[in-house]
């Protein structure tokens, strides 16, 4: 999900306003799919599934249309759920990388 793109489309969205616990940038979001791991410093997350948007985040979208981030209607633009594989602290601006295969 790209908050800047949605804001440019006129949605009243901001980091954190659509229920996310972590807002990241700098990745090709089309590669952020279930099974992929993300490393942020010493923290490792595994993407488990795409989220289905709920009505509680309507205020972040023009006319309350949360379907803008529905994974079936807009593939590659949805939020994701992830599980923590390696705990730690994440600082704003920390580098993030996609981890695949033997690097995971």
PDB file of N, CA and C in Angstrom:
ATOM      1  N   UNK A   1       0.849  -1.171   0.000  1.00  0.00           N
ATOM      2  CA  UNK A   1       0.000   0.000   0.000  1.00  0.00           C
ATOM      3  C   UNK A   1       0.890   1.227   0.000  1.00  0.00           C
ATOM      4  N   UNK A   2       0.616   2.167  -0.863  1.00  0.00           N
ATOM      5  CA  UNK A   2       1.424   3.366  -0.959  1.00  0.00           C
ATOM      6  C   UNK A   2       0.600   4.574  -0.521  1.00  0.00           C
ATOM      7  N   UNK A   3       0.833   5.017   0.695  1.00  0.00           N
ATOM      8  CA  UNK A   3       0.075   6.127   1.276  1.00  0.00           C
ATOM      9  C   UNK A   3       0.202   7.377   0.408  1.00  0.00           C
ATOM     10  N   UNK A   4       1.397   7.678  -0.108  1.00  0.00           N
ATOM     11  CA  UNK A   4       1.607   8.877  -0.923  1.00  0.00           C
ATOM     12  C   UNK A   4       0.777   8.833  -2.209  1.00  0.00           C
ATOM     13  N   UNK A   5       0.684   7.665  -2.842  1.00  0.00           N
ATOM     14  CA  UNK A   5      -0.110   7.523  -4.065  1.00  0.00           C
ATOM     15  C   UNK A   5      -1.578   7.778  -3.761  1.00  0.00           C
ATOM     16  N   UNK A   6      -2.081   7.194  -2.687  1.00  0.00           N
ATOM     17  CA  UNK A   6      -3.487   7.370  -2.334  1.00  0.00           C
ATOM     18  C   UNK A   6      -3.786   8.819  -1.969  1.00  0.00           C
ATOM     19  N   UNK A   7      -2.888   9.474  -1.254  1.00  0.00           N
ATOM     20  CA  UNK A   7      -3.078  10.885  -0.915  1.00  0.00           C
ATOM     21  C   UNK A   7      -3.108  11.728  -2.193  1.00  0.00           C
ATOM     22  N   UNK A   8      -2.236  11.415  -3.158  1.00  0.00           N
ATOM     23  CA  UNK A   8      -2.219  12.142  -4.431  1.00  0.00           C
ATOM     24  C   UNK A   8      -3.519  11.938  -5.207  1.00  0.00           C
ATOM     25  N   UNK A   9      -4.179  10.820  -4.994  1.00  0.00           N
ATOM     26  CA  UNK A   9      -5.475  10.562  -5.633  1.00  0.00           C
ATOM     27  C   UNK A   9      -6.609  11.319  -4.939  1.00  0.00           C
ATOM     28  N   UNK A  10      -6.294  11.993  -3.825  1.00  0.00           N
ATOM     29  CA  UNK A  10      -7.302  12.770  -3.121  1.00  0.00           C
ATOM     30  C   UNK A  10      -7.897  12.102  -1.903  1.00  0.00           C
ATOM     31  N   UNK A  11      -7.358  10.956  -1.506  1.00  0.00           N
ATOM     32  CA  UNK A  11      -7.846  10.285  -0.305  1.00  0.00           C
ATOM     33  C   UNK A  11      -7.256  10.980   0.927  1.00  0.00           C
ATOM     34  N   UNK A  12      -8.045  11.204   1.974  1.00  0.00           N
ATOM     35  CA  UNK A  12      -7.551  11.845   3.194  1.00  0.00           C
ATOM     36  C   UNK A  12      -6.815  10.850   4.098  1.00  0.00           C
ATOM     37  N   UNK A  13      -5.761  10.277   3.580  1.00  0.00           N
ATOM     38  CA  UNK A  13      -5.034   9.212   4.265  1.00  0.00           C
ATOM     39  C   UNK A  13      -3.690   9.748   4.758  1.00  0.00           C
ATOM     40  N   UNK A  14      -3.198   9.147   5.818  1.00  0.00           N
ATOM     41  CA  UNK A  14      -1.888   9.489   6.370  1.00  0.00           C
ATOM     42  C   UNK A  14      -1.295   8.221   6.962  1.00  0.00           C
ATOM     43  N   UNK A  15       0.022   8.179   7.159  1.00  0.00           N
ATOM     44  CA  UNK A  15       0.609   6.984   7.779  1.00  0.00           C
ATOM     45  C   UNK A  15      -0.095   6.641   9.092  1.00  0.00           C
ATOM     46  N   UNK A  16      -0.542   5.412   9.200  1.00  0.00           N
ATOM     47  CA  UNK A  16      -1.216   4.928  10.403  1.00  0.00           C
ATOM     48  C   UNK A  16      -2.726   5.074  10.390  1.00  0.00           C
ATOM     49  N   UNK A  17      -3.272   5.891   9.485  1.00  0.00           N
ATOM     50  CA  UNK A  17      -4.717   6.150   9.520  1.00  0.00           C
ATOM     51  C   UNK A  17      -5.567   5.002   8.991  1.00  0.00           C
ATOM     52  N   UNK A  18      -4.948   4.064   8.304  1.00  0.00           N
ATOM     53  CA  UNK A  18      -5.746   2.947   7.786  1.00  0.00           C
ATOM     54  C   UNK A  18      -5.504   1.671   8.589  1.00  0.00           C
ATOM     55  N   UNK A  19      -5.091   1.852   9.843  1.00  0.00           N
ATOM     56  CA  UNK A  19      -4.998   0.732  10.765  1.00  0.00           C
ATOM     57  C   UNK A  19      -3.682  -0.007  10.777  1.00  0.00           C
ATOM     58  N   UNK A  20      -2.713   0.439  10.001  1.00  0.00           N
ATOM     59  CA  UNK A  20      -1.448  -0.291   9.968  1.00  0.00           C
ATOM     60  C   UNK A  20      -0.609  -0.017  11.215  1.00  0.00           C
ATOM     61  N   UNK A  21       0.098  -1.034  11.647  1.00  0.00           N
ATOM     62  CA  UNK A  21       1.008  -0.906  12.779  1.00  0.00           C
ATOM     63  C   UNK A  21       2.378  -0.424  12.336  1.00  0.00           C
ATOM     64  N   UNK A  22       2.682  -0.661  11.081  1.00  0.00           N
ATOM     65  CA  UNK A  22       3.984  -0.317  10.537  1.00  0.00           C
ATOM     66  C   UNK A  22       3.772   0.189   9.118  1.00  0.00           C
ATOM     67  N   UNK A  23       4.310   1.357   8.830  1.00  0.00           N
ATOM     68  CA  UNK A  23       4.227   1.921   7.483  1.00  0.00           C
ATOM     69  C   UNK A  23       5.632   1.921   6.914  1.00  0.00           C
ATOM     70  N   UNK A  24       5.793   1.292   5.759  1.00  0.00           N
ATOM     71  CA  UNK A  24       7.122   1.199   5.154  1.00  0.00           C
ATOM     72  C   UNK A  24       7.083   1.781   3.747  1.00  0.00           C
ATOM     73  N   UNK A  25       8.245   2.162   3.273  1.00  0.00           N
ATOM     74  CA  UNK A  25       8.360   2.612   1.891  1.00  0.00           C
ATOM     75  C   UNK A  25       9.708   2.175   1.353  1.00  0.00           C
ATOM     76  N   UNK A  26       9.834   2.207   0.045  1.00  0.00           N
ATOM     77  CA  UNK A  26      11.100   1.848  -0.571  1.00  0.00           C
ATOM     78  C   UNK A  26      11.156   0.437  -1.117  1.00  0.00           C
ATOM     79  N   UNK A  27      10.037  -0.268  -1.111  1.00  0.00           N
ATOM     80  CA  UNK A  27       9.982  -1.625  -1.669  1.00  0.00           C
ATOM     81  C   UNK A  27       9.039  -1.642  -2.859  1.00  0.00           C
ATOM     82  N   UNK A  28       9.305  -2.534  -3.793  1.00  0.00           N
ATOM     83  CA  UNK A  28       8.353  -2.785  -4.862  1.00  0.00           C
ATOM     84  C   UNK A  28       7.243  -3.621  -4.231  1.00  0.00           C
ATOM     85  N   UNK A  29       6.107  -2.989  -3.980  1.00  0.00           N
ATOM     86  CA  UNK A  29       5.032  -3.635  -3.214  1.00  0.00           C
ATOM     87  C   UNK A  29       4.476  -4.864  -3.913  1.00  0.00           C
ATOM     88  N   UNK A  30       4.671  -4.987  -5.212  1.00  0.00           N
ATOM     89  CA  UNK A  30       4.170  -6.172  -5.904  1.00  0.00           C
ATOM     90  C   UNK A  30       4.912  -7.434  -5.461  1.00  0.00           C
ATOM     91  N   UNK A  31       6.074  -7.275  -4.828  1.00  0.00           N
ATOM     92  CA  UNK A  31       6.837  -8.423  -4.320  1.00  0.00           C
ATOM     93  C   UNK A  31       6.486  -8.766  -2.866  1.00  0.00           C
ATOM     94  N   UNK A  32       5.692  -7.914  -2.228  1.00  0.00           N
ATOM     95  CA  UNK A  32       5.313  -8.144  -0.823  1.00  0.00           C
ATOM     96  C   UNK A  32       4.056  -9.004  -0.830  1.00  0.00           C
ATOM     97  N   UNK A  33       4.283 -10.307  -0.797  1.00  0.00           N
ATOM     98  CA  UNK A  33       3.205 -11.294  -0.916  1.00  0.00           C
ATOM     99  C   UNK A  33       3.347 -12.325   0.204  1.00  0.00           C
ATOM    100  N   UNK A  34       2.288 -13.071   0.486  1.00  0.00           N
ATOM    101  CA  UNK A  34       2.390 -14.106   1.520  1.00  0.00           C
ATOM    102  C   UNK A  34       3.593 -15.024   1.295  1.00  0.00           C
ATOM    103  N   UNK A  35       4.320 -15.260   2.385  1.00  0.00           N
ATOM    104  CA  UNK A  35       5.498 -16.113   2.358  1.00  0.00           C
ATOM    105  C   UNK A  35       6.805 -15.343   2.308  1.00  0.00           C
ATOM    106  N   UNK A  36       6.768 -14.107   1.849  1.00  0.00           N
ATOM    107  CA  UNK A  36       7.975 -13.282   1.776  1.00  0.00           C
ATOM    108  C   UNK A  36       8.334 -12.784   3.168  1.00  0.00           C
ATOM    109  N   UNK A  37       9.621 -12.689   3.409  1.00  0.00           N
ATOM    110  CA  UNK A  37      10.095 -12.158   4.688  1.00  0.00           C
ATOM    111  C   UNK A  37      10.690 -10.782   4.489  1.00  0.00           C
ATOM    112  N   UNK A  38      10.501  -9.950   5.498  1.00  0.00           N
ATOM    113  CA  UNK A  38      11.024  -8.591   5.493  1.00  0.00           C
ATOM    114  C   UNK A  38      11.973  -8.441   6.668  1.00  0.00           C
ATOM    115  N   UNK A  39      13.092  -7.799   6.428  1.00  0.00           N
ATOM    116  CA  UNK A  39      14.044  -7.549   7.505  1.00  0.00           C
ATOM    117  C   UNK A  39      14.182  -6.044   7.692  1.00  0.00           C
ATOM    118  N   UNK A  40      13.958  -5.614   8.933  1.00  0.00           N
ATOM    119  CA  UNK A  40      14.103  -4.211   9.323  1.00  0.00           C
ATOM    120  C   UNK A  40      15.099  -4.191  10.472  1.00  0.00           C
ATOM    121  N   UNK A  41      16.348  -3.889  10.184  1.00  0.00           N
ATOM    122  CA  UNK A  41      17.372  -3.990  11.212  1.00  0.00           C
ATOM    123  C   UNK A  41      17.480  -5.432  11.668  1.00  0.00           C
ATOM    124  N   UNK A  42      17.304  -5.670  12.975  1.00  0.00           N
ATOM    125  CA  UNK A  42      17.387  -7.046  13.484  1.00  0.00           C
ATOM    126  C   UNK A  42      16.024  -7.729  13.576  1.00  0.00           C
ATOM    127  N   UNK A  43      14.974  -7.076  13.122  1.00  0.00           N
ATOM    128  CA  UNK A  43      13.618  -7.623  13.167  1.00  0.00           C
ATOM    129  C   UNK A  43      13.322  -8.327  11.837  1.00  0.00           C
ATOM    130  N   UNK A  44      12.745  -9.523  11.930  1.00  0.00           N
ATOM    131  CA  UNK A  44      12.327 -10.242  10.730  1.00  0.00           C
ATOM    132  C   UNK A  44      10.832 -10.528  10.823  1.00  0.00           C
ATOM    133  N   UNK A  45      10.119 -10.176   9.756  1.00  0.00           N
ATOM    134  CA  UNK A  45       8.688 -10.419   9.652  1.00  0.00           C
ATOM    135  C   UNK A  45       8.426 -11.333   8.473  1.00  0.00           C
ATOM    136  N   UNK A  46       7.364 -12.133   8.575  1.00  0.00           N
ATOM    137  CA  UNK A  46       6.928 -12.941   7.441  1.00  0.00           C
ATOM    138  C   UNK A  46       5.508 -12.536   7.081  1.00  0.00           C
ATOM    139  N   UNK A  47       5.305 -12.158   5.828  1.00  0.00           N
ATOM    140  CA  UNK A  47       3.974 -11.784   5.351  1.00  0.00           C
ATOM    141  C   UNK A  47       3.122 -13.045   5.334  1.00  0.00           C
ATOM    142  N   UNK A  48       1.956 -12.993   5.997  1.00  0.00           N
ATOM    143  CA  UNK A  48       1.093 -14.166   6.085  1.00  0.00           C
ATOM    144  C   UNK A  48      -0.098 -14.115   5.140  1.00  0.00           C
ATOM    145  N   UNK A  49      -0.683 -12.920   4.952  1.00  0.00           N
ATOM    146  CA  UNK A  49      -1.812 -12.807   4.025  1.00  0.00           C
ATOM    147  C   UNK A  49      -2.134 -11.343   3.788  1.00  0.00           C
ATOM    148  N   UNK A  50      -2.916 -11.105   2.736  1.00  0.00           N
ATOM    149  CA  UNK A  50      -3.406  -9.766   2.454  1.00  0.00           C
ATOM    150  C   UNK A  50      -4.576  -9.471   3.378  1.00  0.00           C
ATOM    151  N   UNK A  51      -4.768  -8.216   3.725  1.00  0.00           N
ATOM    152  CA  UNK A  51      -5.884  -7.855   4.589  1.00  0.00           C
ATOM    153  C   UNK A  51      -7.083  -7.433   3.751  1.00  0.00           C
ATOM    154  N   UNK A  52      -8.240  -7.706   4.255  1.00  0.00           N
ATOM    155  CA  UNK A  52      -9.479  -7.230   3.652  1.00  0.00           C
ATOM    156  C   UNK A  52      -9.845  -5.959   4.418  1.00  0.00           C
ATOM    157  N   UNK A  53     -10.019  -4.839   3.732  1.00  0.00           N
ATOM    158  CA  UNK A  53     -10.306  -3.590   4.442  1.00  0.00           C
ATOM    159  C   UNK A  53     -11.665  -3.624   5.136  1.00  0.00           C
ATOM    160  N   UNK A  54     -11.723  -2.986   6.285  1.00  0.00           N
ATOM    161  CA  UNK A  54     -12.983  -2.934   7.031  1.00  0.00           C
ATOM    162  C   UNK A  54     -13.499  -1.492   7.072  1.00  0.00           C
ATOM    163  N   UNK A  55     -14.724  -1.346   7.499  1.00  0.00           N
ATOM    164  CA  UNK A  55     -15.368  -0.033   7.517  1.00  0.00           C
ATOM    165  C   UNK A  55     -14.750   0.931   8.513  1.00  0.00           C
ATOM    166  N   UNK A  56     -14.009   0.432   9.486  1.00  0.00           N
ATOM    167  CA  UNK A  56     -13.460   1.332  10.508  1.00  0.00           C
ATOM    168  C   UNK A  56     -12.409   2.287   9.950  1.00  0.00           C
ATOM    169  N   UNK A  57     -11.909   2.041   8.736  1.00  0.00           N
ATOM    170  CA  UNK A  57     -10.895   2.920   8.149  1.00  0.00           C
ATOM    171  C   UNK A  57     -11.484   3.805   7.043  1.00  0.00           C
ATOM    172  N   UNK A  58     -12.801   3.882   6.966  1.00  0.00           N
ATOM    173  CA  UNK A  58     -13.470   4.667   5.913  1.00  0.00           C
ATOM    174  C   UNK A  58     -12.985   6.097   5.824  1.00  0.00           C
ATOM    175  N   UNK A  59     -12.683   6.713   6.956  1.00  0.00           N
ATOM    176  CA  UNK A  59     -12.283   8.127   6.962  1.00  0.00           C
ATOM    177  C   UNK A  59     -10.996   8.378   6.179  1.00  0.00           C
ATOM    178  N   UNK A  60     -10.234   7.336   5.894  1.00  0.00           N
ATOM    179  CA  UNK A  60      -8.986   7.481   5.143  1.00  0.00           C
ATOM    180  C   UNK A  60      -9.181   7.465   3.629  1.00  0.00           C
ATOM    181  N   UNK A  61     -10.438   7.288   3.180  1.00  0.00           N
ATOM    182  CA  UNK A  61     -10.688   7.146   1.748  1.00  0.00           C
ATOM    183  C   UNK A  61     -11.832   8.036   1.293  1.00  0.00           C
ATOM    184  N   UNK A  62     -11.676   8.597   0.099  1.00  0.00           N
ATOM    185  CA  UNK A  62     -12.737   9.429  -0.474  1.00  0.00           C
ATOM    186  C   UNK A  62     -14.046   8.674  -0.456  1.00  0.00           C
ATOM    187  N   UNK A  63     -15.077   9.366  -0.019  1.00  0.00           N
ATOM    188  CA  UNK A  63     -16.430   8.810   0.042  1.00  0.00           C
ATOM    189  C   UNK A  63     -16.483   7.503   0.835  1.00  0.00           C
ATOM    190  N   UNK A  64     -15.483   7.275   1.698  1.00  0.00           N
ATOM    191  CA  UNK A  64     -15.472   6.084   2.539  1.00  0.00           C
ATOM    192  C   UNK A  64     -15.255   4.793   1.780  1.00  0.00           C
ATOM    193  N   UNK A  65     -14.742   4.885   0.543  1.00  0.00           N
ATOM    194  CA  UNK A  65     -14.609   3.709  -0.318  1.00  0.00           C
ATOM    195  C   UNK A  65     -13.330   2.929  -0.009  1.00  0.00           C
ATOM    196  N   UNK A  66     -13.414   2.027   0.959  1.00  0.00           N
ATOM    197  CA  UNK A  66     -12.257   1.221   1.366  1.00  0.00           C
ATOM    198  C   UNK A  66     -11.868   0.182   0.322  1.00  0.00           C
ATOM    199  N   UNK A  67     -12.706  -0.012  -0.688  1.00  0.00           N
ATOM    200  CA  UNK A  67     -12.363  -0.996  -1.716  1.00  0.00           C
ATOM    201  C   UNK A  67     -11.105  -0.592  -2.479  1.00  0.00           C
ATOM    202  N   UNK A  68     -10.663   0.653  -2.325  1.00  0.00           N
ATOM    203  CA  UNK A  68      -9.437   1.109  -2.990  1.00  0.00           C
ATOM    204  C   UNK A  68      -8.227   0.270  -2.594  1.00  0.00           C
ATOM    205  N   UNK A  69      -8.271  -0.363  -1.423  1.00  0.00           N
ATOM    206  CA  UNK A  69      -7.146  -1.206  -1.004  1.00  0.00           C
ATOM    207  C   UNK A  69      -7.555  -2.675  -0.872  1.00  0.00           C
ATOM    208  N   UNK A  70      -8.634  -3.044  -1.531  1.00  0.00           N
ATOM    209  CA  UNK A  70      -9.051  -4.445  -1.503  1.00  0.00           C
ATOM    210  C   UNK A  70      -8.093  -5.255  -2.381  1.00  0.00           C
ATOM    211  N   UNK A  71      -7.528  -6.349  -1.860  1.00  0.00           N
ATOM    212  CA  UNK A  71      -6.513  -7.091  -2.615  1.00  0.00           C
ATOM    213  C   UNK A  71      -7.003  -7.727  -3.918  1.00  0.00           C
ATOM    214  N   UNK A  72      -8.288  -8.020  -4.018  1.00  0.00           N
ATOM    215  CA  UNK A  72      -8.796  -8.616  -5.260  1.00  0.00           C
ATOM    216  C   UNK A  72      -9.101  -7.557  -6.316  1.00  0.00           C
ATOM    217  N   UNK A  73      -9.457  -6.365  -5.871  1.00  0.00           N
ATOM    218  CA  UNK A  73      -9.779  -5.291  -6.819  1.00  0.00           C
ATOM    219  C   UNK A  73      -8.546  -4.505  -7.242  1.00  0.00           C
ATOM    220  N   UNK A  74      -7.584  -4.420  -6.361  1.00  0.00           N
ATOM    221  CA  UNK A  74      -6.361  -3.648  -6.629  1.00  0.00           C
ATOM    222  C   UNK A  74      -5.147  -4.457  -6.175  1.00  0.00           C
ATOM    223  N   UNK A  75      -4.817  -5.533  -6.900  1.00  0.00           N
ATOM    224  CA  UNK A  75      -3.668  -6.362  -6.507  1.00  0.00           C
ATOM    225  C   UNK A  75      -2.390  -5.523  -6.392  1.00  0.00           C
ATOM    226  N   UNK A  76      -1.620  -5.813  -5.370  1.00  0.00           N
ATOM    227  CA  UNK A  76      -0.373  -5.091  -5.150  1.00  0.00           C
ATOM    228  C   UNK A  76      -0.531  -3.774  -4.438  1.00  0.00           C
ATOM    229  N   UNK A  77      -1.747  -3.423  -4.026  1.00  0.00           N
ATOM    230  CA  UNK A  77      -1.972  -2.154  -3.342  1.00  0.00           C
ATOM    231  C   UNK A  77      -2.688  -2.332  -2.003  1.00  0.00           C
ATOM    232  N   UNK A  78      -2.681  -3.533  -1.486  1.00  0.00           N
ATOM    233  CA  UNK A  78      -3.370  -3.851  -0.241  1.00  0.00           C
ATOM    234  C   UNK A  78      -2.418  -3.794   0.947  1.00  0.00           C
ATOM    235  N   UNK A  79      -2.999  -3.737   2.113  1.00  0.00           N
ATOM    236  CA  UNK A  79      -2.213  -3.932   3.331  1.00  0.00           C
ATOM    237  C   UNK A  79      -1.976  -5.426   3.489  1.00  0.00           C
ATOM    238  N   UNK A  80      -1.006  -5.773   4.344  1.00  0.00           N
ATOM    239  CA  UNK A  80      -0.729  -7.185   4.600  1.00  0.00           C
ATOM    240  C   UNK A  80      -0.638  -7.431   6.097  1.00  0.00           C
ATOM    241  N   UNK A  81      -0.905  -8.664   6.471  1.00  0.00           N
ATOM    242  CA  UNK A  81      -0.628  -9.130   7.826  1.00  0.00           C
ATOM    243  C   UNK A  81       0.739  -9.791   7.803  1.00  0.00           C
ATOM    244  N   UNK A  82       1.464  -9.659   8.896  1.00  0.00           N
ATOM    245  CA  UNK A  82       2.769 -10.310   8.998  1.00  0.00           C
ATOM    246  C   UNK A  82       2.948 -10.822  10.416  1.00  0.00           C
ATOM    247  N   UNK A  83       3.699 -11.900  10.528  1.00  0.00           N
ATOM    248  CA  UNK A  83       4.030 -12.415  11.864  1.00  0.00           C
ATOM    249  C   UNK A  83       5.492 -12.109  12.147  1.00  0.00           C
ATOM    250  N   UNK A  84       5.766 -11.922  13.422  1.00  0.00           N
ATOM    251  CA  UNK A  84       7.124 -11.597  13.847  1.00  0.00           C
ATOM    252  C   UNK A  84       7.908 -12.895  14.000  1.00  0.00           C
ATOM    253  N   UNK A  85       9.007 -13.000  13.277  1.00  0.00           N
ATOM    254  CA  UNK A  85       9.882 -14.172  13.390  1.00  0.00           C
ATOM    255  C   UNK A  85      11.047 -13.888  14.328  1.00  0.00           C
ATOM    256  N   UNK A  86      11.563 -12.665  14.252  1.00  0.00           N
ATOM    257  CA  UNK A  86      12.649 -12.244  15.133  1.00  0.00           C
ATOM    258  C   UNK A  86      12.251 -10.911  15.745  1.00  0.00           C
ATOM    259  N   UNK A  87      12.109 -10.888  17.066  1.00  0.00           N
ATOM    260  CA  UNK A  87      11.703  -9.675  17.761  1.00  0.00           C
ATOM    261  C   UNK A  87      12.840  -8.672  17.845  1.00  0.00           C
ATOM    262  N   UNK A  88      12.467  -7.427  18.047  1.00  0.00           N
ATOM    263  CA  UNK A  88      13.440  -6.360  18.230  1.00  0.00           C
ATOM    264  C   UNK A  88      12.723  -5.024  18.186  1.00  0.00           C
ATOM    265  N   UNK A  89      13.493  -3.979  17.973  1.00  0.00           N
ATOM    266  CA  UNK A  89      12.939  -2.634  17.892  1.00  0.00           C
ATOM    267  C   UNK A  89      13.156  -2.098  16.486  1.00  0.00           C
ATOM    268  N   UNK A  90      12.144  -1.411  15.983  1.00  0.00           N
ATOM    269  CA  UNK A  90      12.230  -0.801  14.667  1.00  0.00           C
ATOM    270  C   UNK A  90      12.224   0.706  14.862  1.00  0.00           C
ATOM    271  N   UNK A  91      13.206   1.376  14.276  1.00  0.00           N
ATOM    272  CA  UNK A  91      13.298   2.829  14.356  1.00  0.00           C
ATOM    273  C   UNK A  91      12.835   3.444  13.050  1.00  0.00           C
ATOM    274  N   UNK A  92      12.237   4.613  13.139  1.00  0.00           N
ATOM    275  CA  UNK A  92      11.835   5.338  11.937  1.00  0.00           C
ATOM    276  C   UNK A  92      13.052   5.520  11.039  1.00  0.00           C
ATOM    277  N   UNK A  93      12.847   5.269   9.763  1.00  0.00           N
ATOM    278  CA  UNK A  93      13.925   5.419   8.797  1.00  0.00           C
ATOM    279  C   UNK A  93      14.842   4.220   8.675  1.00  0.00           C
ATOM    280  N   UNK A  94      14.567   3.159   9.434  1.00  0.00           N
ATOM    281  CA  UNK A  94      15.403   1.961   9.375  1.00  0.00           C
ATOM    282  C   UNK A  94      15.329   1.359   7.968  1.00  0.00           C
ATOM    283  N   UNK A  95      16.445   0.859   7.465  1.00  0.00           N
ATOM    284  CA  UNK A  95      16.401   0.218   6.150  1.00  0.00           C
ATOM    285  C   UNK A  95      15.560  -1.058   6.205  1.00  0.00           C
ATOM    286  N   UNK A  96      14.921  -1.359   5.084  1.00  0.00           N
ATOM    287  CA  UNK A  96      14.101  -2.564   4.998  1.00  0.00           C
ATOM    288  C   UNK A  96      14.498  -3.322   3.745  1.00  0.00           C
ATOM    289  N   UNK A  97      14.502  -4.640   3.862  1.00  0.00           N
ATOM    290  CA  UNK A  97      14.824  -5.452   2.693  1.00  0.00           C
ATOM    291  C   UNK A  97      13.927  -6.674   2.627  1.00  0.00           C
ATOM    292  N   UNK A  98      13.661  -7.081   1.410  1.00  0.00           N
ATOM    293  CA  UNK A  98      12.953  -8.324   1.152  1.00  0.00           C
ATOM    294  C   UNK A  98      13.954  -9.455   1.264  1.00  0.00           C
ATOM    295  N   UNK A  99      13.580 -10.531   1.968  1.00  0.00           N
ATOM    296  CA  UNK A  99      14.480 -11.655   2.167  1.00  0.00           C
ATOM    297  C   UNK A  99      13.817 -12.876   1.549  1.00  0.00           C
ATOM    298  N   UNK A 100      14.553 -13.572   0.698  1.00  0.00           N
ATOM    299  CA  UNK A 100      13.996 -14.746   0.022  1.00  0.00           C
ATOM    300  C   UNK A 100      14.912 -15.943   0.212  1.00  0.00           C
ATOM    301  N   UNK A 101      14.346 -17.119   0.079  1.00  0.00           N
ATOM    302  CA  UNK A 101      15.098 -18.376   0.046  1.00  0.00           C
ATOM    303  C   UNK A 101      16.088 -18.547   1.156  1.00  0.00           C
ATOM    304  N   UNK A 102      17.329 -18.875   0.791  1.00  0.00           N
ATOM    305  CA  UNK A 102      18.346 -19.212   1.780  1.00  0.00           C
ATOM    306  C   UNK A 102      18.760 -18.026   2.642  1.00  0.00           C
ATOM    307  N   UNK A 103      18.410 -16.808   2.249  1.00  0.00           N
ATOM    308  CA  UNK A 103      18.730 -15.629   3.057  1.00  0.00           C
ATOM    309  C   UNK A 103      17.746 -15.415   4.195  1.00  0.00           C
ATOM    310  N   UNK A 104      16.631 -16.143   4.171  1.00  0.00           N
ATOM    311  CA  UNK A 104      15.526 -15.894   5.112  1.00  0.00           C
ATOM    312  C   UNK A 104      15.861 -16.261   6.522  1.00  0.00           C
TER     313      UNK A 104
END
